[in-house]
Amino acid sequence: KKTKHYHPKMAMILKVLVMDYTTAVCLYEKDWSWNDIKNTPSLCRMIKSFHNLSSQISNGVIKLAKFQPSNQTTSGIGYSTINTNNNTQRGSKGFKKPIPARMECITNDQYTVAAFYNMEYEGTNVDKIVNELLSRFNNKHSNTVKSLRDELKKLVDETVELEDCMSSEEMYSNFDSFDNDIEEVIDQYLTNKDNNNNNNNNNNNND
C-alpha cells in the first residue's frame, strides 16, 4: 500500500492564519505550500463574509469550505507541489499544478483560526489542530490583541491614511512566538495520525 505523509512539509497543510473576528484583520499567518499571490486580506474578508452569511441562514458559523481549481493551469486559492519519486509534479508549461483545497476554521467571537489543506488528506486531524490553536492563541495573546485594538480599528477605518496604520509585518511581529505553538500542535496531531495509520496498516498485513 502507498503510505501517505501527514507532515505539512509533505504537502498537506498549505496555510494557517489567525484573524481578529471583529475587524477581519489578520494577526498571524504561516505558509507551507501557498501560491505566490499575497491574498491574505482577501482571505480574511472572505471568511468573515462566510460567517456573516452562515449567521443569516442558520444562525451559525462557517466551519468547512472546499475550493476546486479550474481545469486550466492557474494558481488556485492554494497549491502544493506534489513530490512523487523525488520529482515535482507540474502542470503544462511548467506551472505548478493547482490542487483542490479545503478550509477548516473555528471562531470564538474574538478570533478565527483557519487552516487550508490539500483535500487529498481529508479526514485527518485538522479539526483538532484548529481547535487547539484557537485555545492557545486565546490564552497566550489576548492581552496583546487588546493592546492593539486601536491599531486594528485604524486598519479598517477608511478615513485613516494607510501610512498612518501598522503594516502587516509589524502586526505579525507581535505574535512571532506563536510559531512554536503551530509546530507543536501540527506535529502532535499529524504525527499521531500517521502513527495510527501505520499501526492499522501493520495490523492489516498481519491479518
N, C-alpha and C. Protein backbone atom coordinates (compact mmCIF):
# COMPACT_ATOMS: atom_id res chain seq x y z
N LYS A 1 0.83 -1.20 0.00
CA LYS A 1 0.00 0.00 0.00
C LYS A 1 0.86 1.24 0.00
N LYS A 2 0.31 2.30 -0.61
CA LYS A 2 1.05 3.55 -0.68
C LYS A 2 0.86 4.32 0.62
N THR A 3 1.93 4.70 1.27
CA THR A 3 1.85 5.40 2.54
C THR A 3 1.72 6.90 2.32
N LYS A 4 0.74 7.52 2.97
CA LYS A 4 0.57 8.97 2.89
C LYS A 4 1.38 9.63 3.99
N HIS A 5 1.92 10.80 3.69
CA HIS A 5 2.68 11.56 4.67
C HIS A 5 1.81 12.69 5.19
N TYR A 6 1.78 12.88 6.49
CA TYR A 6 0.87 13.84 7.08
C TYR A 6 1.58 15.07 7.64
N HIS A 7 2.88 15.14 7.46
CA HIS A 7 3.58 16.33 7.90
C HIS A 7 3.32 17.46 6.91
N PRO A 8 3.12 18.72 7.41
CA PRO A 8 2.78 19.82 6.50
C PRO A 8 3.81 20.04 5.41
N LYS A 9 5.07 19.77 5.69
CA LYS A 9 6.10 19.99 4.68
C LYS A 9 6.01 18.93 3.59
N MET A 10 5.17 17.92 3.79
CA MET A 10 4.95 16.91 2.76
C MET A 10 3.65 17.21 2.02
N ALA A 11 3.30 18.49 1.92
CA ALA A 11 2.24 18.96 1.03
C ALA A 11 0.84 18.80 1.57
N MET A 12 0.67 18.66 2.88
CA MET A 12 -0.69 18.59 3.40
C MET A 12 -1.21 19.96 3.78
N ILE A 13 -0.64 20.56 4.82
CA ILE A 13 -1.09 21.87 5.28
C ILE A 13 -0.53 22.93 4.34
N LEU A 14 -1.40 23.74 3.78
CA LEU A 14 -0.98 24.79 2.87
C LEU A 14 -0.76 26.12 3.59
N LYS A 15 -1.67 26.44 4.51
CA LYS A 15 -1.61 27.75 5.16
C LYS A 15 -2.43 27.71 6.44
N VAL A 16 -1.95 28.43 7.46
CA VAL A 16 -2.71 28.66 8.69
C VAL A 16 -2.73 30.16 8.95
N LEU A 17 -3.90 30.67 9.32
CA LEU A 17 -3.97 32.09 9.69
C LEU A 17 -4.86 32.27 10.91
N VAL A 18 -4.57 33.33 11.66
CA VAL A 18 -5.40 33.75 12.79
C VAL A 18 -5.83 35.18 12.51
N MET A 19 -7.13 35.43 12.58
CA MET A 19 -7.62 36.78 12.32
C MET A 19 -8.48 37.28 13.47
N ASP A 20 -8.48 38.58 13.64
CA ASP A 20 -9.36 39.23 14.60
C ASP A 20 -10.78 39.14 14.07
N TYR A 21 -11.69 38.62 14.87
CA TYR A 21 -13.04 38.36 14.38
C TYR A 21 -13.79 39.65 14.05
N THR A 22 -13.65 40.67 14.88
CA THR A 22 -14.42 41.90 14.70
C THR A 22 -14.01 42.66 13.46
N THR A 23 -12.70 42.83 13.25
CA THR A 23 -12.21 43.65 12.14
C THR A 23 -11.82 42.84 10.92
N ALA A 24 -11.69 41.52 11.07
CA ALA A 24 -11.22 40.63 9.98
C ALA A 24 -9.81 40.98 9.55
N VAL A 25 -9.01 41.52 10.46
CA VAL A 25 -7.60 41.80 10.20
C VAL A 25 -6.78 40.57 10.60
N CYS A 26 -5.85 40.19 9.73
CA CYS A 26 -5.01 39.03 10.03
C CYS A 26 -3.98 39.39 11.10
N LEU A 27 -3.90 38.57 12.13
CA LEU A 27 -2.95 38.77 13.22
C LEU A 27 -1.70 37.91 13.05
N TYR A 28 -1.89 36.78 12.41
CA TYR A 28 -0.78 35.82 12.26
C TYR A 28 -1.06 34.95 11.05
N GLU A 29 -0.02 34.62 10.31
CA GLU A 29 -0.15 33.66 9.22
C GLU A 29 1.14 32.87 9.06
N LYS A 30 1.00 31.65 8.59
CA LYS A 30 2.16 30.81 8.29
C LYS A 30 1.84 30.00 7.05
N ASP A 31 2.72 30.07 6.06
CA ASP A 31 2.53 29.36 4.80
C ASP A 31 3.52 28.21 4.69
N TRP A 32 3.06 27.10 4.13
CA TRP A 32 3.94 26.00 3.76
C TRP A 32 3.98 25.86 2.25
N SER A 33 2.84 25.60 1.65
CA SER A 33 2.75 25.47 0.19
C SER A 33 1.58 26.31 -0.28
N TRP A 34 1.85 27.56 -0.54
CA TRP A 34 0.81 28.51 -0.92
C TRP A 34 1.24 29.22 -2.19
N ASN A 35 0.27 29.74 -2.93
CA ASN A 35 0.65 30.42 -4.15
C ASN A 35 1.38 31.73 -3.85
N ASP A 36 1.97 32.32 -4.84
CA ASP A 36 2.81 33.50 -4.65
C ASP A 36 2.00 34.79 -4.50
N ILE A 37 0.69 34.71 -4.68
CA ILE A 37 -0.14 35.90 -4.56
C ILE A 37 -0.39 36.20 -3.10
N LYS A 38 -0.11 37.42 -2.68
CA LYS A 38 -0.32 37.84 -1.30
C LYS A 38 -1.79 38.22 -1.11
N ASN A 39 -2.63 37.22 -0.85
CA ASN A 39 -4.06 37.44 -0.81
C ASN A 39 -4.67 37.28 0.58
N THR A 40 -3.85 37.39 1.63
CA THR A 40 -4.34 37.16 2.98
C THR A 40 -5.49 38.09 3.37
N PRO A 41 -5.41 39.42 3.12
CA PRO A 41 -6.56 40.27 3.47
C PRO A 41 -7.85 39.84 2.79
N SER A 42 -7.76 39.40 1.53
CA SER A 42 -8.94 38.93 0.82
C SER A 42 -9.48 37.64 1.44
N LEU A 43 -8.58 36.77 1.87
CA LEU A 43 -9.00 35.53 2.53
C LEU A 43 -9.74 35.84 3.82
N CYS A 44 -9.22 36.78 4.59
CA CYS A 44 -9.86 37.14 5.86
C CYS A 44 -11.25 37.74 5.63
N ARG A 45 -11.36 38.58 4.62
CA ARG A 45 -12.68 39.15 4.31
C ARG A 45 -13.64 38.07 3.82
N MET A 46 -13.12 37.11 3.06
CA MET A 46 -13.95 36.00 2.60
C MET A 46 -14.48 35.19 3.79
N ILE A 47 -13.59 34.87 4.73
CA ILE A 47 -14.00 34.09 5.91
C ILE A 47 -15.04 34.86 6.71
N LYS A 48 -14.82 36.16 6.88
CA LYS A 48 -15.78 36.99 7.60
C LYS A 48 -17.13 36.99 6.88
N SER A 49 -17.11 37.07 5.56
CA SER A 49 -18.35 37.04 4.78
C SER A 49 -19.07 35.71 4.94
N PHE A 50 -18.28 34.62 4.95
CA PHE A 50 -18.87 33.29 5.16
C PHE A 50 -19.57 33.23 6.52
N HIS A 51 -18.91 33.78 7.54
CA HIS A 51 -19.51 33.79 8.88
C HIS A 51 -20.82 34.57 8.87
N ASN A 52 -20.80 35.73 8.25
CA ASN A 52 -21.99 36.57 8.21
C ASN A 52 -23.14 35.86 7.48
N LEU A 53 -22.81 35.21 6.35
CA LEU A 53 -23.82 34.51 5.58
C LEU A 53 -24.38 33.33 6.37
N SER A 54 -23.50 32.58 7.02
CA SER A 54 -23.94 31.44 7.82
C SER A 54 -24.84 31.89 8.95
N SER A 55 -24.50 33.02 9.55
CA SER A 55 -25.32 33.56 10.64
C SER A 55 -26.72 33.93 10.16
N GLN A 56 -26.78 34.51 8.98
CA GLN A 56 -28.08 34.91 8.43
C GLN A 56 -28.92 33.70 8.03
N ILE A 57 -28.27 32.65 7.51
CA ILE A 57 -29.01 31.50 7.02
C ILE A 57 -29.45 30.57 8.16
N SER A 58 -28.53 30.27 9.06
CA SER A 58 -28.84 29.26 10.07
C SER A 58 -28.44 29.67 11.48
N ASN A 59 -28.13 30.96 11.66
CA ASN A 59 -27.69 31.45 12.97
C ASN A 59 -26.47 30.66 13.46
N GLY A 60 -25.60 30.30 12.50
CA GLY A 60 -24.42 29.52 12.85
C GLY A 60 -23.15 30.19 12.36
N VAL A 61 -22.07 29.40 12.26
CA VAL A 61 -20.79 29.90 11.77
C VAL A 61 -20.25 28.93 10.73
N ILE A 62 -19.37 29.42 9.88
CA ILE A 62 -18.77 28.56 8.86
C ILE A 62 -17.65 27.73 9.50
N LYS A 63 -17.61 26.47 9.16
CA LYS A 63 -16.57 25.60 9.69
C LYS A 63 -15.74 24.94 8.59
N LEU A 64 -16.39 24.67 7.45
CA LEU A 64 -15.72 23.97 6.36
C LEU A 64 -16.04 24.63 5.04
N ALA A 65 -15.05 24.65 4.15
CA ALA A 65 -15.26 25.12 2.78
C ALA A 65 -14.30 24.40 1.87
N LYS A 66 -14.74 24.10 0.65
CA LYS A 66 -13.90 23.42 -0.33
C LYS A 66 -13.69 24.33 -1.53
N PHE A 67 -12.47 24.28 -2.09
CA PHE A 67 -12.12 25.10 -3.23
C PHE A 67 -11.56 24.19 -4.32
N GLN A 68 -12.26 24.15 -5.43
CA GLN A 68 -11.88 23.28 -6.53
C GLN A 68 -11.26 24.12 -7.65
N PRO A 69 -10.01 23.87 -8.03
CA PRO A 69 -9.40 24.65 -9.11
C PRO A 69 -10.05 24.34 -10.45
N SER A 70 -9.96 25.29 -11.35
CA SER A 70 -10.49 25.07 -12.69
C SER A 70 -9.59 24.10 -13.44
N ASN A 71 -10.03 23.70 -14.62
CA ASN A 71 -9.22 22.78 -15.43
C ASN A 71 -7.98 23.44 -15.99
N GLN A 72 -7.98 24.78 -16.02
CA GLN A 72 -6.83 25.50 -16.54
C GLN A 72 -5.71 25.47 -15.52
N THR A 73 -4.47 25.56 -16.00
CA THR A 73 -3.32 25.56 -15.11
C THR A 73 -3.03 26.98 -14.66
N THR A 74 -3.69 27.35 -13.57
CA THR A 74 -3.51 28.67 -12.98
C THR A 74 -3.30 28.49 -11.50
N SER A 75 -2.92 29.55 -10.83
CA SER A 75 -2.73 29.44 -9.38
C SER A 75 -4.10 29.54 -8.73
N GLY A 76 -4.52 28.45 -8.06
CA GLY A 76 -5.80 28.45 -7.38
C GLY A 76 -5.69 29.17 -6.06
N ILE A 77 -6.68 28.93 -5.17
CA ILE A 77 -6.64 29.61 -3.89
C ILE A 77 -5.43 29.16 -3.08
N GLY A 78 -4.98 27.96 -3.36
CA GLY A 78 -3.75 27.48 -2.75
C GLY A 78 -3.23 26.34 -3.59
N TYR A 79 -1.96 26.06 -3.52
CA TYR A 79 -1.48 24.88 -4.23
C TYR A 79 -0.32 24.29 -3.47
N SER A 80 -0.06 23.06 -3.79
CA SER A 80 1.07 22.37 -3.20
C SER A 80 1.83 21.68 -4.31
N THR A 81 3.13 21.63 -4.20
CA THR A 81 3.91 20.81 -5.13
C THR A 81 3.90 19.39 -4.60
N ILE A 82 3.50 18.46 -5.42
CA ILE A 82 3.36 17.08 -5.00
C ILE A 82 4.59 16.30 -5.42
N ASN A 83 5.27 15.73 -4.45
CA ASN A 83 6.51 15.00 -4.73
C ASN A 83 6.23 13.52 -4.95
N THR A 84 6.62 13.00 -6.10
CA THR A 84 6.48 11.59 -6.41
C THR A 84 7.81 11.09 -6.94
N ASN A 85 8.40 10.15 -6.20
CA ASN A 85 9.72 9.62 -6.59
C ASN A 85 10.73 10.75 -6.78
N ASN A 86 10.69 11.71 -5.84
CA ASN A 86 11.62 12.84 -5.83
C ASN A 86 11.45 13.79 -7.01
N ASN A 87 10.37 13.65 -7.75
CA ASN A 87 10.08 14.56 -8.84
C ASN A 87 8.90 15.45 -8.48
N THR A 88 8.94 16.69 -8.89
CA THR A 88 7.86 17.61 -8.60
C THR A 88 6.85 17.57 -9.73
N GLN A 89 5.60 17.28 -9.37
CA GLN A 89 4.55 17.22 -10.38
C GLN A 89 4.15 18.62 -10.79
N ARG A 90 4.16 18.90 -12.08
CA ARG A 90 3.81 20.21 -12.58
C ARG A 90 2.78 20.09 -13.68
N GLY A 91 2.03 21.16 -13.87
CA GLY A 91 1.07 21.19 -14.95
C GLY A 91 1.77 21.55 -16.25
N SER A 92 0.99 21.85 -17.27
CA SER A 92 1.57 22.19 -18.57
C SER A 92 2.34 23.49 -18.49
N LYS A 93 3.30 23.66 -19.34
CA LYS A 93 4.10 24.88 -19.46
C LYS A 93 4.90 25.17 -18.19
N GLY A 94 5.10 24.15 -17.34
CA GLY A 94 5.98 24.31 -16.18
C GLY A 94 5.35 24.98 -14.98
N PHE A 95 4.05 25.30 -15.03
CA PHE A 95 3.42 25.91 -13.87
C PHE A 95 3.15 24.84 -12.82
N LYS A 96 3.19 25.24 -11.56
CA LYS A 96 2.84 24.31 -10.50
C LYS A 96 1.36 23.97 -10.62
N LYS A 97 1.05 22.71 -10.41
CA LYS A 97 -0.31 22.24 -10.63
C LYS A 97 -1.19 22.56 -9.43
N PRO A 98 -2.29 23.33 -9.62
CA PRO A 98 -3.19 23.63 -8.51
C PRO A 98 -3.87 22.35 -8.02
N ILE A 99 -4.15 22.30 -6.73
CA ILE A 99 -4.82 21.13 -6.17
C ILE A 99 -6.09 21.58 -5.47
N PRO A 100 -7.06 20.67 -5.31
CA PRO A 100 -8.25 21.01 -4.54
C PRO A 100 -7.86 21.29 -3.09
N ALA A 101 -8.36 22.37 -2.53
CA ALA A 101 -8.01 22.75 -1.16
C ALA A 101 -9.27 22.81 -0.31
N ARG A 102 -9.10 22.55 0.94
CA ARG A 102 -10.21 22.61 1.90
C ARG A 102 -9.81 23.55 3.03
N MET A 103 -10.76 24.34 3.50
CA MET A 103 -10.53 25.22 4.64
C MET A 103 -11.34 24.71 5.82
N GLU A 104 -10.67 24.57 6.94
CA GLU A 104 -11.35 24.22 8.19
C GLU A 104 -11.08 25.36 9.16
N CYS A 105 -12.13 25.91 9.78
CA CYS A 105 -11.92 27.04 10.67
C CYS A 105 -12.82 26.96 11.90
N ILE A 106 -12.45 27.74 12.91
CA ILE A 106 -13.22 27.82 14.14
C ILE A 106 -13.09 29.23 14.68
N THR A 107 -14.14 29.71 15.35
CA THR A 107 -14.11 31.05 15.91
C THR A 107 -14.71 31.04 17.30
N ASN A 108 -14.29 32.00 18.12
CA ASN A 108 -14.87 32.16 19.46
C ASN A 108 -15.40 33.58 19.67
N ASP A 109 -15.76 34.25 18.59
CA ASP A 109 -16.25 35.63 18.59
C ASP A 109 -15.17 36.66 18.92
N GLN A 110 -13.95 36.20 19.10
CA GLN A 110 -12.80 37.11 19.27
C GLN A 110 -11.78 36.89 18.16
N TYR A 111 -11.51 35.61 17.89
CA TYR A 111 -10.54 35.25 16.86
C TYR A 111 -11.11 34.14 16.00
N THR A 112 -10.59 34.05 14.81
CA THR A 112 -10.88 32.92 13.93
C THR A 112 -9.56 32.30 13.50
N VAL A 113 -9.46 30.99 13.64
CA VAL A 113 -8.30 30.25 13.15
C VAL A 113 -8.75 29.45 11.94
N ALA A 114 -8.03 29.58 10.85
CA ALA A 114 -8.36 28.84 9.63
C ALA A 114 -7.14 28.09 9.13
N ALA A 115 -7.34 26.86 8.72
CA ALA A 115 -6.28 26.05 8.12
C ALA A 115 -6.73 25.62 6.74
N PHE A 116 -5.90 25.88 5.74
CA PHE A 116 -6.14 25.43 4.38
C PHE A 116 -5.24 24.23 4.12
N TYR A 117 -5.82 23.17 3.55
CA TYR A 117 -5.01 21.98 3.35
C TYR A 117 -5.45 21.21 2.11
N ASN A 118 -4.56 20.36 1.67
CA ASN A 118 -4.77 19.52 0.49
C ASN A 118 -5.92 18.55 0.76
N MET A 119 -6.96 18.57 -0.09
CA MET A 119 -8.12 17.72 0.14
C MET A 119 -7.81 16.24 -0.01
N GLU A 120 -6.65 15.91 -0.54
CA GLU A 120 -6.25 14.50 -0.62
C GLU A 120 -6.18 13.89 0.78
N TYR A 121 -5.94 14.74 1.79
CA TYR A 121 -5.77 14.28 3.16
C TYR A 121 -7.02 14.53 4.00
N GLU A 122 -8.17 14.59 3.36
CA GLU A 122 -9.43 14.78 4.06
C GLU A 122 -9.64 13.66 5.06
N GLY A 123 -10.15 14.03 6.25
CA GLY A 123 -10.38 13.02 7.27
C GLY A 123 -9.25 12.94 8.28
N THR A 124 -8.27 13.83 8.19
CA THR A 124 -7.18 13.86 9.17
C THR A 124 -7.61 14.72 10.37
N ASN A 125 -6.65 15.09 11.21
CA ASN A 125 -6.96 15.77 12.47
C ASN A 125 -6.96 17.29 12.36
N VAL A 126 -7.28 17.86 11.22
CA VAL A 126 -7.21 19.31 11.07
C VAL A 126 -8.21 20.00 11.98
N ASP A 127 -9.37 19.39 12.23
CA ASP A 127 -10.35 19.99 13.14
C ASP A 127 -9.78 20.13 14.54
N LYS A 128 -9.01 19.13 14.98
CA LYS A 128 -8.37 19.19 16.30
C LYS A 128 -7.26 20.24 16.32
N ILE A 129 -6.57 20.37 15.20
CA ILE A 129 -5.50 21.36 15.10
C ILE A 129 -6.04 22.77 15.27
N VAL A 130 -7.11 23.12 14.54
CA VAL A 130 -7.63 24.49 14.63
C VAL A 130 -8.23 24.76 16.00
N ASN A 131 -8.85 23.76 16.62
CA ASN A 131 -9.39 23.94 17.97
C ASN A 131 -8.29 24.22 18.97
N GLU A 132 -7.21 23.44 18.90
CA GLU A 132 -6.10 23.62 19.83
C GLU A 132 -5.39 24.95 19.61
N LEU A 133 -5.22 25.34 18.34
CA LEU A 133 -4.57 26.61 18.05
C LEU A 133 -5.39 27.79 18.54
N LEU A 134 -6.71 27.71 18.39
CA LEU A 134 -7.57 28.79 18.90
C LEU A 134 -7.45 28.91 20.41
N SER A 135 -7.45 27.78 21.10
CA SER A 135 -7.33 27.79 22.55
C SER A 135 -6.00 28.40 22.99
N ARG A 136 -4.92 28.00 22.32
CA ARG A 136 -3.61 28.52 22.70
C ARG A 136 -3.48 30.01 22.40
N PHE A 137 -3.96 30.44 21.24
CA PHE A 137 -3.86 31.85 20.89
C PHE A 137 -4.66 32.69 21.88
N ASN A 138 -5.84 32.24 22.22
CA ASN A 138 -6.69 32.97 23.16
C ASN A 138 -6.03 33.09 24.52
N ASN A 139 -5.42 32.01 24.98
CA ASN A 139 -4.80 32.00 26.31
C ASN A 139 -3.53 32.83 26.37
N LYS A 140 -2.77 32.84 25.29
CA LYS A 140 -1.44 33.46 25.33
C LYS A 140 -1.41 34.90 24.81
N HIS A 141 -2.34 35.27 23.93
CA HIS A 141 -2.18 36.53 23.22
C HIS A 141 -3.36 37.50 23.36
N SER A 142 -4.32 37.19 24.22
CA SER A 142 -5.48 38.07 24.37
C SER A 142 -5.08 39.48 24.82
N ASN A 143 -4.16 39.55 25.76
CA ASN A 143 -3.74 40.87 26.25
C ASN A 143 -3.03 41.68 25.17
N THR A 144 -2.25 40.99 24.35
CA THR A 144 -1.57 41.68 23.25
C THR A 144 -2.58 42.24 22.27
N VAL A 145 -3.59 41.44 21.93
CA VAL A 145 -4.61 41.91 20.98
C VAL A 145 -5.37 43.10 21.56
N LYS A 146 -5.66 43.05 22.85
CA LYS A 146 -6.34 44.19 23.49
C LYS A 146 -5.51 45.46 23.37
N SER A 147 -4.21 45.32 23.54
CA SER A 147 -3.33 46.49 23.44
C SER A 147 -3.25 47.04 22.02
N LEU A 148 -3.60 46.21 21.04
CA LEU A 148 -3.54 46.61 19.63
C LEU A 148 -4.91 47.00 19.08
N ARG A 149 -5.92 47.06 19.92
CA ARG A 149 -7.28 47.30 19.45
C ARG A 149 -7.40 48.60 18.66
N ASP A 150 -6.75 49.66 19.11
CA ASP A 150 -6.82 50.93 18.38
C ASP A 150 -6.18 50.81 16.99
N GLU A 151 -5.07 50.07 16.92
CA GLU A 151 -4.42 49.87 15.63
C GLU A 151 -5.32 49.06 14.70
N LEU A 152 -5.99 48.07 15.22
CA LEU A 152 -6.88 47.25 14.42
C LEU A 152 -8.04 48.09 13.87
N LYS A 153 -8.55 48.97 14.69
CA LYS A 153 -9.65 49.83 14.23
C LYS A 153 -9.18 50.77 13.13
N LYS A 154 -7.96 51.27 13.25
CA LYS A 154 -7.42 52.16 12.22
C LYS A 154 -7.28 51.45 10.88
N LEU A 155 -6.93 50.17 10.92
CA LEU A 155 -6.71 49.41 9.69
C LEU A 155 -7.99 49.23 8.87
N VAL A 156 -9.14 49.33 9.51
CA VAL A 156 -10.40 49.17 8.79
C VAL A 156 -11.18 50.49 8.69
N ASP A 157 -10.55 51.56 9.14
CA ASP A 157 -11.16 52.89 9.06
C ASP A 157 -10.72 53.55 7.75
N GLU A 158 -11.64 53.72 6.83
CA GLU A 158 -11.29 54.25 5.52
C GLU A 158 -10.87 55.71 5.56
N THR A 159 -11.12 56.38 6.67
CA THR A 159 -10.73 57.80 6.79
C THR A 159 -9.28 57.95 7.23
N VAL A 160 -8.65 56.83 7.64
CA VAL A 160 -7.26 56.87 8.11
C VAL A 160 -6.34 56.51 6.96
N GLU A 161 -5.32 57.32 6.75
CA GLU A 161 -4.35 57.07 5.67
C GLU A 161 -3.56 55.80 5.96
N LEU A 162 -3.25 55.07 4.90
CA LEU A 162 -2.55 53.80 5.04
C LEU A 162 -1.20 53.95 5.72
N GLU A 163 -0.50 55.05 5.41
CA GLU A 163 0.82 55.24 6.01
C GLU A 163 0.76 55.49 7.52
N ASP A 164 -0.44 55.80 8.02
CA ASP A 164 -0.62 56.01 9.46
C ASP A 164 -1.01 54.73 10.19
N CYS A 165 -1.10 53.64 9.44
CA CYS A 165 -1.51 52.36 10.02
C CYS A 165 -0.31 51.43 10.19
N MET A 166 -0.47 50.48 11.06
CA MET A 166 0.56 49.46 11.27
C MET A 166 0.58 48.53 10.06
N SER A 167 1.77 48.19 9.58
CA SER A 167 1.89 47.28 8.45
C SER A 167 1.61 45.85 8.89
N SER A 168 1.38 44.98 7.91
CA SER A 168 1.14 43.57 8.22
C SER A 168 2.33 42.96 8.95
N GLU A 169 3.54 43.30 8.50
CA GLU A 169 4.74 42.76 9.12
C GLU A 169 4.85 43.20 10.58
N GLU A 170 4.51 44.46 10.84
CA GLU A 170 4.55 44.96 12.21
C GLU A 170 3.50 44.26 13.07
N MET A 171 2.33 44.03 12.49
CA MET A 171 1.28 43.35 13.23
C MET A 171 1.70 41.92 13.56
N TYR A 172 2.23 41.21 12.55
CA TYR A 172 2.61 39.81 12.76
C TYR A 172 3.74 39.68 13.79
N SER A 173 4.60 40.67 13.86
CA SER A 173 5.75 40.59 14.76
C SER A 173 5.34 40.48 16.23
N ASN A 174 4.12 40.92 16.54
CA ASN A 174 3.63 40.82 17.91
C ASN A 174 3.31 39.39 18.32
N PHE A 175 3.23 38.51 17.32
CA PHE A 175 2.82 37.14 17.61
C PHE A 175 3.81 36.12 17.07
N ASP A 176 5.07 36.54 16.94
CA ASP A 176 6.11 35.64 16.40
C ASP A 176 6.22 34.35 17.21
N SER A 177 6.01 34.45 18.52
CA SER A 177 6.19 33.28 19.37
C SER A 177 5.17 32.19 19.08
N PHE A 178 4.11 32.54 18.35
CA PHE A 178 3.09 31.54 18.03
C PHE A 178 3.61 30.49 17.04
N ASP A 179 4.73 30.78 16.41
CA ASP A 179 5.38 29.79 15.53
C ASP A 179 5.59 28.48 16.27
N ASN A 180 6.03 28.59 17.53
CA ASN A 180 6.32 27.39 18.31
C ASN A 180 5.05 26.58 18.56
N ASP A 181 3.96 27.27 18.84
CA ASP A 181 2.69 26.56 19.06
C ASP A 181 2.22 25.87 17.80
N ILE A 182 2.37 26.56 16.67
CA ILE A 182 1.97 25.97 15.39
C ILE A 182 2.71 24.65 15.16
N GLU A 183 4.01 24.68 15.32
CA GLU A 183 4.81 23.48 15.08
C GLU A 183 4.45 22.36 16.06
N GLU A 184 4.28 22.71 17.34
CA GLU A 184 3.96 21.70 18.35
C GLU A 184 2.63 21.03 18.07
N VAL A 185 1.61 21.85 17.77
CA VAL A 185 0.26 21.31 17.58
C VAL A 185 0.18 20.47 16.31
N ILE A 186 0.74 20.97 15.22
CA ILE A 186 0.67 20.22 13.97
C ILE A 186 1.46 18.92 14.08
N ASP A 187 2.64 18.99 14.65
CA ASP A 187 3.43 17.76 14.81
C ASP A 187 2.71 16.76 15.70
N GLN A 188 2.08 17.26 16.76
CA GLN A 188 1.37 16.37 17.69
C GLN A 188 0.25 15.62 16.99
N TYR A 189 -0.62 16.32 16.31
CA TYR A 189 -1.81 15.69 15.75
C TYR A 189 -1.51 14.94 14.46
N LEU A 190 -0.63 15.46 13.64
CA LEU A 190 -0.34 14.77 12.39
C LEU A 190 0.54 13.56 12.62
N THR A 191 1.45 13.65 13.58
CA THR A 191 2.29 12.50 13.91
C THR A 191 1.45 11.38 14.49
N ASN A 192 0.49 11.74 15.37
CA ASN A 192 -0.40 10.74 15.93
C ASN A 192 -1.21 10.06 14.85
N LYS A 193 -1.69 10.86 13.89
CA LYS A 193 -2.47 10.30 12.79
C LYS A 193 -1.63 9.35 11.95
N ASP A 194 -0.40 9.78 11.68
CA ASP A 194 0.49 8.96 10.86
C ASP A 194 0.80 7.64 11.56
N ASN A 195 1.04 7.72 12.89
CA ASN A 195 1.35 6.51 13.64
C ASN A 195 0.16 5.56 13.66
N ASN A 196 -1.05 6.12 13.82
CA ASN A 196 -2.25 5.29 13.84
C ASN A 196 -2.44 4.58 12.50
N ASN A 197 -2.19 5.31 11.41
CA ASN A 197 -2.33 4.70 10.08
C ASN A 197 -1.31 3.59 9.87
N ASN A 198 -0.07 3.83 10.34
CA ASN A 198 0.96 2.82 10.19
C ASN A 198 0.62 1.56 11.00
N ASN A 199 0.06 1.78 12.21
CA ASN A 199 -0.34 0.64 13.04
C ASN A 199 -1.46 -0.14 12.37
N ASN A 200 -2.43 0.59 11.79
CA ASN A 200 -3.52 -0.08 11.10
C ASN A 200 -3.03 -0.88 9.90
N ASN A 201 -2.07 -0.30 9.17
CA ASN A 201 -1.50 -1.00 8.01
C ASN A 201 -0.78 -2.28 8.45
N ASN A 202 -0.05 -2.16 9.57
CA ASN A 202 0.67 -3.33 10.07
C ASN A 202 -0.29 -4.43 10.50
N ASN A 203 -1.40 -4.01 11.16
CA ASN A 203 -2.38 -5.00 11.59
C ASN A 203 -3.03 -5.68 10.40
N ASN A 204 -3.32 -4.91 9.35
CA ASN A 204 -3.91 -5.47 8.15
C ASN A 204 -2.97 -6.48 7.48
N ASN A 205 -1.68 -6.11 7.47
CA ASN A 205 -0.70 -7.02 6.88
C ASN A 205 -0.58 -8.32 7.66
N ASN A 206 -0.69 -8.19 9.02
CA ASN A 206 -0.60 -9.39 9.85
C ASN A 206 -1.81 -10.31 9.63
N ASP A 207 -2.95 -9.66 9.34
CA ASP A 207 -4.15 -10.48 9.10
C ASP A 207 -3.98 -11.27 7.80
